[in-house]
Amino acid sequence: MIGCIIQARLGSTRLPGKVMKKINNEIPMLKFQLEQLETSKRINKKIIATTDLPDDDLIVDFCKKNEIDFFRGKSNDVLDRYYNCAKKFQFSTIVRITSDNPLIDPSIVDEIIEKFINTEYDYVSTDPQTYPLGFSVEVFSFKALEESWKKSTLSSDREHVTPYILKNKNIFAQKYFSYKENKSDIRCTVDTEFDFKLIEQIISKNISRPIHLENILELYEKEPLLFHINKHVKHDGYERSLKDDEITKK
C-alpha cells in the first residue's frame, strides 16, 4: 500500500500554530493541503502524523471532525513517528509530505510515486536544486525506513526522517528527479508570517483547484515583486539540527 504520511504539529518556533492558521480567514492551512492532495491518483491512504503533546490535541480534533486518519508519536523523534505510523497502517511505500508546504502539487506527487514504482530505487525525490521550495516529495520503501529507524543515532537524522538514507548511498539506491528548469529561488513553504502572507496571495490570485506549480510560475512571471514578500527568509531547519548534534556530542 502506498501511504502518504504528513507530519504536522502546532509547536513551530517561528510561526506557532501555523498548520491550523486560516488562509485568508477561510480554511486551515492543513486542510488546504489535504484538498490539494485529493486529486492524487497514486496515494492509497493519507495519514496526519502528529505528536503526543497536549497542544496537538487540536490537530487530532481537526482530524476527527473531518474524518481524517491520524497517528500520534514522539515530538522530536519524527523518524520514530514515521516508522511506527507506517508500521501500524502497513505501508510498503511511504510518501513523505510536510505540513508547511500547503501548495504541494498532486501531479508532482504522482510523478515521483510513478518514478519510484517503475525503478529499483529505495528512495526517490524531487531535486531541491531545481524545484521551488515548498514542492518537496520524498518516496521510499518501508524497508529503507525501518533500516534508518534502527541505525540512526544523530538527532538531526531522527528529526528530519531521511538524512540517514541520503548519507548512505552505498546502502540505499536513490535518485533525485529535476524540474525542467531551475526554479529553486522561489520560496513557497511556510516558516514565518512573511511566508504565510505570500501563500495567501498566491491562493487568492488562483481560482482553479488544485493549484499546480505551473499556475504559480505563471503568477511569478506576471508579478515577480509579489514573491519578494518572503525573499529574506532563510530555510535553515536542518542546519539548526546539525548544531544540536554538536551540542549532544559534547
C-alpha atoms as a PDB file:
ATOM      1  CA  MET A   1       0.000   0.000   0.000  1.00  0.00           C
ATOM      2  CA  ILE A   2       1.209   3.499  -0.862  1.00  0.00           C
ATOM      3  CA  GLY A   3       0.724   5.712   2.180  1.00  0.00           C
ATOM      4  CA  CYS A   4       1.208   9.443   2.370  1.00  0.00           C
ATOM      5  CA  ILE A   5       2.358  10.489   5.837  1.00  0.00           C
ATOM      6  CA  ILE A   6       2.031  14.206   6.550  1.00  0.00           C
ATOM      7  CA  GLN A   7       3.947  15.356   9.607  1.00  0.00           C
ATOM      8  CA  ALA A   8       2.144  18.155  11.452  1.00  0.00           C
ATOM      9  CA  ARG A   9       2.466  19.880  14.807  1.00  0.00           C
ATOM     10  CA  LEU A  10       1.483  23.185  16.391  1.00  0.00           C
ATOM     11  CA  GLY A  11       4.810  23.839  18.117  1.00  0.00           C
ATOM     12  CA  SER A  12       6.588  25.757  15.361  1.00  0.00           C
ATOM     13  CA  THR A  13       9.157  28.160  16.841  1.00  0.00           C
ATOM     14  CA  ARG A  14       8.900  30.864  14.169  1.00  0.00           C
ATOM     15  CA  LEU A  15       5.164  30.684  13.493  1.00  0.00           C
ATOM     16  CA  PRO A  16       3.363  28.800  16.288  1.00  0.00           C
ATOM     17  CA  GLY A  17       0.137  27.059  15.280  1.00  0.00           C
ATOM     18  CA  LYS A  18       0.787  27.632  11.587  1.00  0.00           C
ATOM     19  CA  VAL A  19      -0.761  24.389  10.320  1.00  0.00           C
ATOM     20  CA  MET A  20      -4.157  25.369  11.747  1.00  0.00           C
ATOM     21  CA  LYS A  21      -3.821  29.029  10.824  1.00  0.00           C
ATOM     22  CA  LYS A  22      -6.655  30.024   8.485  1.00  0.00           C
ATOM     23  CA  ILE A  23      -5.671  31.084   4.973  1.00  0.00           C
ATOM     24  CA  ASN A  24      -7.456  34.344   4.118  1.00  0.00           C
ATOM     25  CA  ASN A  25      -9.566  33.724   7.251  1.00  0.00           C
ATOM     26  CA  GLU A  26     -11.303  30.853   5.469  1.00  0.00           C
ATOM     27  CA  ILE A  27      -9.565  27.473   5.609  1.00  0.00           C
ATOM     28  CA  PRO A  28      -6.881  25.986   7.879  1.00  0.00           C
ATOM     29  CA  MET A  29      -3.570  25.577   6.069  1.00  0.00           C
ATOM     30  CA  LEU A  30      -3.544  21.835   6.773  1.00  0.00           C
ATOM     31  CA  LYS A  31      -6.995  21.390   5.253  1.00  0.00           C
ATOM     32  CA  PHE A  32      -5.983  23.297   2.133  1.00  0.00           C
ATOM     33  CA  GLN A  33      -3.008  20.981   1.704  1.00  0.00           C
ATOM     34  CA  LEU A  34      -5.205  17.906   2.105  1.00  0.00           C
ATOM     35  CA  GLU A  35      -7.563  19.266  -0.548  1.00  0.00           C
ATOM     36  CA  GLN A  36      -4.589  19.768  -2.870  1.00  0.00           C
ATOM     37  CA  LEU A  37      -3.730  16.092  -2.430  1.00  0.00           C
ATOM     38  CA  GLU A  38      -7.291  14.875  -3.036  1.00  0.00           C
ATOM     39  CA  THR A  39      -6.705  14.605  -6.791  1.00  0.00           C
ATOM     40  CA  SER A  40      -3.668  12.339  -6.431  1.00  0.00           C
ATOM     41  CA  LYS A  41      -4.302   9.103  -8.292  1.00  0.00           C
ATOM     42  CA  ARG A  42      -1.435   7.176  -6.727  1.00  0.00           C
ATOM     43  CA  ILE A  43      -1.841   7.714  -2.981  1.00  0.00           C
ATOM     44  CA  ASN A  44      -3.889   4.943  -1.381  1.00  0.00           C
ATOM     45  CA  LYS A  45      -4.156   6.469   2.081  1.00  0.00           C
ATOM     46  CA  LYS A  46      -3.257   9.756   3.797  1.00  0.00           C
ATOM     47  CA  ILE A  47      -2.305   9.965   7.478  1.00  0.00           C
ATOM     48  CA  ILE A  48      -1.642  13.039   9.614  1.00  0.00           C
ATOM     49  CA  ALA A  49       1.278  12.123  11.871  1.00  0.00           C
ATOM     50  CA  THR A  50       1.239  14.484  14.819  1.00  0.00           C
ATOM     51  CA  THR A  51       2.776  14.391  18.292  1.00  0.00           C
ATOM     52  CA  ASP A  52       1.583  13.074  21.626  1.00  0.00           C
ATOM     53  CA  LEU A  53       1.883  16.557  23.174  1.00  0.00           C
ATOM     54  CA  PRO A  54      -1.331  18.063  24.622  1.00  0.00           C
ATOM     55  CA  ASP A  55      -1.017  21.114  22.333  1.00  0.00           C
ATOM     56  CA  ASP A  56      -1.536  18.863  19.327  1.00  0.00           C
ATOM     57  CA  ASP A  57      -4.919  17.690  20.584  1.00  0.00           C
ATOM     58  CA  LEU A  58      -6.230  20.474  18.327  1.00  0.00           C
ATOM     59  CA  ILE A  59      -4.853  18.674  15.263  1.00  0.00           C
ATOM     60  CA  VAL A  60      -6.401  15.406  16.439  1.00  0.00           C
ATOM     61  CA  ASP A  61      -9.766  17.139  16.944  1.00  0.00           C
ATOM     62  CA  PHE A  62      -9.491  18.543  13.407  1.00  0.00           C
ATOM     63  CA  CYS A  63      -8.781  15.068  12.030  1.00  0.00           C
ATOM     64  CA  LYS A  64     -11.701  13.508  13.894  1.00  0.00           C
ATOM     65  CA  LYS A  65     -14.077  16.258  12.763  1.00  0.00           C
ATOM     66  CA  ASN A  66     -13.025  15.829   9.120  1.00  0.00           C
ATOM     67  CA  GLU A  67     -12.775  12.012   9.263  1.00  0.00           C
ATOM     68  CA  ILE A  68      -9.041  12.022   8.524  1.00  0.00           C
ATOM     69  CA  ASP A  69      -6.809   9.207   9.740  1.00  0.00           C
ATOM     70  CA  PHE A  70      -4.129  10.283  12.205  1.00  0.00           C
ATOM     71  CA  PHE A  71      -1.257   8.912  14.229  1.00  0.00           C
ATOM     72  CA  ARG A  72       0.369  10.295  17.382  1.00  0.00           C
ATOM     73  CA  GLY A  73       4.023   9.793  18.236  1.00  0.00           C
ATOM     74  CA  LYS A  74       7.155  11.390  19.610  1.00  0.00           C
ATOM     75  CA  SER A  75       7.511  15.151  19.210  1.00  0.00           C
ATOM     76  CA  ASN A  76      11.234  15.395  18.454  1.00  0.00           C
ATOM     77  CA  ASP A  77      11.895  11.927  17.015  1.00  0.00           C
ATOM     78  CA  VAL A  78       9.974  12.307  13.764  1.00  0.00           C
ATOM     79  CA  LEU A  79      11.707   9.275  12.280  1.00  0.00           C
ATOM     80  CA  ASP A  80      10.233   7.142  15.047  1.00  0.00           C
ATOM     81  CA  ARG A  81       6.841   8.724  14.392  1.00  0.00           C
ATOM     82  CA  TYR A  82       7.058   7.870  10.685  1.00  0.00           C
ATOM     83  CA  TYR A  83       8.241   4.335  11.288  1.00  0.00           C
ATOM     84  CA  ASN A  84       5.534   3.436  13.787  1.00  0.00           C
ATOM     85  CA  CYS A  85       2.876   5.145  11.689  1.00  0.00           C
ATOM     86  CA  ALA A  86       3.909   3.251   8.550  1.00  0.00           C
ATOM     87  CA  LYS A  87       4.082   0.010  10.530  1.00  0.00           C
ATOM     88  CA  LYS A  88       0.633   0.478  12.042  1.00  0.00           C
ATOM     89  CA  PHE A  89      -1.018   1.164   8.682  1.00  0.00           C
ATOM     90  CA  GLN A  90       1.075  -1.478   6.860  1.00  0.00           C
ATOM     91  CA  PHE A  91       2.519   0.852   4.233  1.00  0.00           C
ATOM     92  CA  SER A  92       5.005  -0.792   1.871  1.00  0.00           C
ATOM     93  CA  THR A  93       5.741   2.543   0.190  1.00  0.00           C
ATOM     94  CA  ILE A  94       5.852   5.850   2.059  1.00  0.00           C
ATOM     95  CA  VAL A  95       5.262   9.292   0.571  1.00  0.00           C
ATOM     96  CA  ARG A  96       6.674  11.963   2.858  1.00  0.00           C
ATOM     97  CA  ILE A  97       4.983  15.373   2.829  1.00  0.00           C
ATOM     98  CA  THR A  98       5.461  18.124   5.409  1.00  0.00           C
ATOM     99  CA  SER A  99       2.542  20.265   6.532  1.00  0.00           C
ATOM    100  CA  ASP A 100       4.418  23.515   5.944  1.00  0.00           C
ATOM    101  CA  ASN A 101       4.040  23.003   2.168  1.00  0.00           C
ATOM    102  CA  PRO A 102       0.344  23.811   1.592  1.00  0.00           C
ATOM    103  CA  LEU A 103       0.722  24.264  -2.184  1.00  0.00           C
ATOM    104  CA  ILE A 104       2.041  20.745  -2.748  1.00  0.00           C
ATOM    105  CA  ASP A 105       1.245  19.753  -6.332  1.00  0.00           C
ATOM    106  CA  PRO A 106      -0.613  16.409  -6.624  1.00  0.00           C
ATOM    107  CA  SER A 107       0.634  15.893 -10.187  1.00  0.00           C
ATOM    108  CA  ILE A 108       4.243  16.142  -8.981  1.00  0.00           C
ATOM    109  CA  VAL A 109       3.425  13.762  -6.123  1.00  0.00           C
ATOM    110  CA  ASP A 110       2.059  11.211  -8.593  1.00  0.00           C
ATOM    111  CA  GLU A 111       5.024  11.680 -10.912  1.00  0.00           C
ATOM    112  CA  ILE A 112       7.525  10.933  -8.134  1.00  0.00           C
ATOM    113  CA  ILE A 113       5.483   7.920  -6.991  1.00  0.00           C
ATOM    114  CA  GLU A 114       5.490   6.640 -10.587  1.00  0.00           C
ATOM    115  CA  LYS A 115       9.274   7.040 -10.739  1.00  0.00           C
ATOM    116  CA  PHE A 116       9.598   5.018  -7.546  1.00  0.00           C
ATOM    117  CA  ILE A 117       7.260   2.255  -8.711  1.00  0.00           C
ATOM    118  CA  ASN A 118       8.900   1.893 -12.115  1.00  0.00           C
ATOM    119  CA  THR A 119      12.511   1.818 -10.918  1.00  0.00           C
ATOM    120  CA  GLU A 120      14.573  -0.215  -8.464  1.00  0.00           C
ATOM    121  CA  TYR A 121      15.419   2.699  -6.177  1.00  0.00           C
ATOM    122  CA  ASP A 122      14.922   2.587  -2.406  1.00  0.00           C
ATOM    123  CA  TYR A 123      14.368   6.344  -2.349  1.00  0.00           C
ATOM    124  CA  VAL A 124      13.326   8.937  -4.942  1.00  0.00           C
ATOM    125  CA  SER A 125      12.704  12.637  -4.506  1.00  0.00           C
ATOM    126  CA  THR A 126      12.205  15.968  -6.201  1.00  0.00           C
ATOM    127  CA  ASP A 127      15.516  17.744  -6.719  1.00  0.00           C
ATOM    128  CA  PRO A 128      15.831  20.666  -4.248  1.00  0.00           C
ATOM    129  CA  GLN A 129      18.353  22.289  -6.579  1.00  0.00           C
ATOM    130  CA  THR A 130      15.715  22.806  -9.297  1.00  0.00           C
ATOM    131  CA  TYR A 131      12.228  22.683  -7.723  1.00  0.00           C
ATOM    132  CA  PRO A 132      10.875  25.694  -5.815  1.00  0.00           C
ATOM    133  CA  LEU A 133      10.977  25.335  -2.049  1.00  0.00           C
ATOM    134  CA  GLY A 134       7.607  24.007  -0.924  1.00  0.00           C
ATOM    135  CA  PHE A 135       7.163  21.256  -3.520  1.00  0.00           C
ATOM    136  CA  SER A 136       9.323  18.573  -1.955  1.00  0.00           C
ATOM    137  CA  VAL A 137       8.115  14.988  -2.376  1.00  0.00           C
ATOM    138  CA  GLU A 138      10.051  12.034  -0.976  1.00  0.00           C
ATOM    139  CA  VAL A 139       9.088   8.437  -1.670  1.00  0.00           C
ATOM    140  CA  PHE A 140      10.842   5.487  -0.075  1.00  0.00           C
ATOM    141  CA  SER A 141      10.329   1.860   0.872  1.00  0.00           C
ATOM    142  CA  PHE A 142       9.303   0.664   4.291  1.00  0.00           C
ATOM    143  CA  LYS A 143      12.472  -1.434   4.326  1.00  0.00           C
ATOM    144  CA  ALA A 144      14.623   1.714   3.933  1.00  0.00           C
ATOM    145  CA  LEU A 145      12.601   3.483   6.615  1.00  0.00           C
ATOM    146  CA  GLU A 146      12.994   0.574   9.019  1.00  0.00           C
ATOM    147  CA  GLU A 147      16.743   0.390   8.435  1.00  0.00           C
ATOM    148  CA  SER A 148      17.037   4.122   9.132  1.00  0.00           C
ATOM    149  CA  TRP A 149      14.931   3.801  12.265  1.00  0.00           C
ATOM    150  CA  LYS A 150      17.177   1.039  13.594  1.00  0.00           C
ATOM    151  CA  LYS A 151      20.518   2.678  12.834  1.00  0.00           C
ATOM    152  CA  SER A 152      20.052   6.461  13.048  1.00  0.00           C
ATOM    153  CA  THR A 153      21.605   7.932  16.188  1.00  0.00           C
ATOM    154  CA  LEU A 154      22.036  11.650  15.443  1.00  0.00           C
ATOM    155  CA  SER A 155      19.195  13.950  16.484  1.00  0.00           C
ATOM    156  CA  SER A 156      19.261  15.632  13.052  1.00  0.00           C
ATOM    157  CA  ASP A 157      18.727  12.268  11.350  1.00  0.00           C
ATOM    158  CA  ARG A 158      15.787  11.475  13.585  1.00  0.00           C
ATOM    159  CA  GLU A 159      14.209  14.924  13.400  1.00  0.00           C
ATOM    160  CA  HIS A 160      14.315  15.144   9.598  1.00  0.00           C
ATOM    161  CA  VAL A 161      13.463  11.477   8.815  1.00  0.00           C
ATOM    162  CA  THR A 162      15.521  10.850   5.663  1.00  0.00           C
ATOM    163  CA  PRO A 163      19.102  12.185   6.183  1.00  0.00           C
ATOM    164  CA  TYR A 164      20.369   8.728   7.166  1.00  0.00           C
ATOM    165  CA  ILE A 165      19.158   7.356   3.840  1.00  0.00           C
ATOM    166  CA  LEU A 166      20.673  10.250   1.897  1.00  0.00           C
ATOM    167  CA  LYS A 167      24.049   9.911   3.620  1.00  0.00           C
ATOM    168  CA  ASN A 168      24.287   6.188   2.891  1.00  0.00           C
ATOM    169  CA  LYS A 169      24.203   5.892  -0.891  1.00  0.00           C
ATOM    170  CA  ASN A 170      26.158   2.634  -0.669  1.00  0.00           C
ATOM    171  CA  ILE A 171      23.254   1.077   1.224  1.00  0.00           C
ATOM    172  CA  PHE A 172      20.206   2.747  -0.347  1.00  0.00           C
ATOM    173  CA  ALA A 173      19.758   3.161  -4.107  1.00  0.00           C
ATOM    174  CA  GLN A 174      18.462   6.690  -4.570  1.00  0.00           C
ATOM    175  CA  LYS A 175      17.610   9.233  -7.218  1.00  0.00           C
ATOM    176  CA  TYR A 176      16.632  12.906  -7.446  1.00  0.00           C
ATOM    177  CA  PHE A 177      14.410  13.973 -10.329  1.00  0.00           C
ATOM    178  CA  SER A 178      14.931  17.516 -11.585  1.00  0.00           C
ATOM    179  CA  TYR A 179      12.413  20.068 -12.751  1.00  0.00           C
ATOM    180  CA  LYS A 180      12.726  21.106 -16.410  1.00  0.00           C
ATOM    181  CA  GLU A 181      14.397  24.376 -15.379  1.00  0.00           C
ATOM    182  CA  ASN A 182      15.934  25.813 -12.232  1.00  0.00           C
ATOM    183  CA  LYS A 183      13.236  27.477 -10.105  1.00  0.00           C
ATOM    184  CA  SER A 184      14.854  26.874  -6.720  1.00  0.00           C
ATOM    185  CA  ASP A 185      14.941  30.614  -5.952  1.00  0.00           C
ATOM    186  CA  ILE A 186      11.155  30.625  -5.424  1.00  0.00           C
ATOM    187  CA  ARG A 187      10.007  30.019  -1.838  1.00  0.00           C
ATOM    188  CA  CYS A 188       6.505  28.585  -1.253  1.00  0.00           C
ATOM    189  CA  THR A 189       6.947  26.911   2.118  1.00  0.00           C
ATOM    190  CA  VAL A 190       5.696  28.346   5.423  1.00  0.00           C
ATOM    191  CA  ASP A 191       8.093  29.028   8.283  1.00  0.00           C
ATOM    192  CA  THR A 192       7.230  32.657   9.064  1.00  0.00           C
ATOM    193  CA  GLU A 193       4.407  35.176   8.823  1.00  0.00           C
ATOM    194  CA  PHE A 194       6.002  36.533   5.628  1.00  0.00           C
ATOM    195  CA  ASP A 195       5.760  33.079   4.054  1.00  0.00           C
ATOM    196  CA  PHE A 196       2.141  32.756   5.130  1.00  0.00           C
ATOM    197  CA  LYS A 197       1.245  36.120   3.578  1.00  0.00           C
ATOM    198  CA  LEU A 198       2.711  35.026   0.244  1.00  0.00           C
ATOM    199  CA  ILE A 199       0.743  31.772   0.324  1.00  0.00           C
ATOM    200  CA  GLU A 200      -2.448  33.743   0.964  1.00  0.00           C
ATOM    201  CA  GLN A 201      -1.722  35.965  -2.024  1.00  0.00           C
ATOM    202  CA  ILE A 202      -0.967  33.033  -4.324  1.00  0.00           C
ATOM    203  CA  ILE A 203      -4.181  31.263  -3.337  1.00  0.00           C
ATOM    204  CA  SER A 204      -6.346  34.381  -3.684  1.00  0.00           C
ATOM    205  CA  LYS A 205      -4.931  35.018  -7.177  1.00  0.00           C
ATOM    206  CA  ASN A 206      -5.551  31.453  -8.414  1.00  0.00           C
ATOM    207  CA  ILE A 207      -9.147  30.408  -8.981  1.00  0.00           C
ATOM    208  CA  SER A 208      -8.522  26.875 -10.242  1.00  0.00           C
ATOM    209  CA  ARG A 209      -8.176  23.947  -7.842  1.00  0.00           C
ATOM    210  CA  PRO A 210      -5.903  22.237  -7.264  1.00  0.00           C
ATOM    211  CA  ILE A 211      -3.241  24.869  -7.774  1.00  0.00           C
ATOM    212  CA  HIS A 212      -0.368  23.445  -9.803  1.00  0.00           C
ATOM    213  CA  LEU A 213       3.255  24.542  -9.933  1.00  0.00           C
ATOM    214  CA  GLU A 214       2.675  25.859 -13.456  1.00  0.00           C
ATOM    215  CA  ASN A 215      -0.042  28.198 -12.122  1.00  0.00           C
ATOM    216  CA  ILE A 216       2.399  29.608  -9.587  1.00  0.00           C
ATOM    217  CA  LEU A 217       5.149  30.050 -12.157  1.00  0.00           C
ATOM    218  CA  GLU A 218       2.715  31.942 -14.403  1.00  0.00           C
ATOM    219  CA  LEU A 219       1.943  34.247 -11.487  1.00  0.00           C
ATOM    220  CA  TYR A 220       5.661  34.636 -10.845  1.00  0.00           C
ATOM    221  CA  GLU A 221       6.168  35.800 -14.420  1.00  0.00           C
ATOM    222  CA  LYS A 222       3.308  38.301 -14.180  1.00  0.00           C
ATOM    223  CA  GLU A 223       4.007  39.609 -10.660  1.00  0.00           C
ATOM    224  CA  PRO A 224       7.622  38.876  -9.693  1.00  0.00           C
ATOM    225  CA  LEU A 225       7.618  41.554  -6.972  1.00  0.00           C
ATOM    226  CA  LEU A 226       4.892  39.645  -5.140  1.00  0.00           C
ATOM    227  CA  PHE A 227       7.433  36.934  -4.359  1.00  0.00           C
ATOM    228  CA  HIS A 228       9.711  39.425  -2.640  1.00  0.00           C
ATOM    229  CA  ILE A 229       7.442  39.225   0.434  1.00  0.00           C
ATOM    230  CA  ASN A 230       9.495  36.358   1.870  1.00  0.00           C
ATOM    231  CA  LYS A 231      12.702  36.705  -0.140  1.00  0.00           C
ATOM    232  CA  HIS A 232      14.727  37.408   3.005  1.00  0.00           C
ATOM    233  CA  VAL A 233      13.595  34.320   4.944  1.00  0.00           C
ATOM    234  CA  LYS A 234      16.248  31.635   5.429  1.00  0.00           C
ATOM    235  CA  HIS A 235      15.489  27.931   5.214  1.00  0.00           C
ATOM    236  CA  ASP A 236      17.797  26.638   7.915  1.00  0.00           C
ATOM    237  CA  GLY A 237      15.935  23.972   9.881  1.00  0.00           C
ATOM    238  CA  TYR A 238      18.364  21.188   9.038  1.00  0.00           C
ATOM    239  CA  GLU A 239      21.372  23.403   9.773  1.00  0.00           C
ATOM    240  CA  ARG A 240      19.965  24.165  13.219  1.00  0.00           C
ATOM    241  CA  SER A 241      19.560  20.432  13.825  1.00  0.00           C
ATOM    242  CA  LEU A 242      23.220  19.871  12.940  1.00  0.00           C
ATOM    243  CA  LYS A 243      24.157  22.364  15.648  1.00  0.00           C
ATOM    244  CA  ASP A 244      22.089  20.310  18.088  1.00  0.00           C
ATOM    245  CA  ASP A 245      24.135  17.262  17.069  1.00  0.00           C
ATOM    246  CA  GLU A 246      27.309  19.076  18.086  1.00  0.00           C
ATOM    247  CA  ILE A 247      25.816  20.020  21.460  1.00  0.00           C
ATOM    248  CA  THR A 248      24.751  16.395  22.015  1.00  0.00           C
ATOM    249  CA  LYS A 249      28.266  15.124  21.255  1.00  0.00           C
ATOM    250  CA  LYS A 250      29.879  17.407  23.852  1.00  0.00           C
END
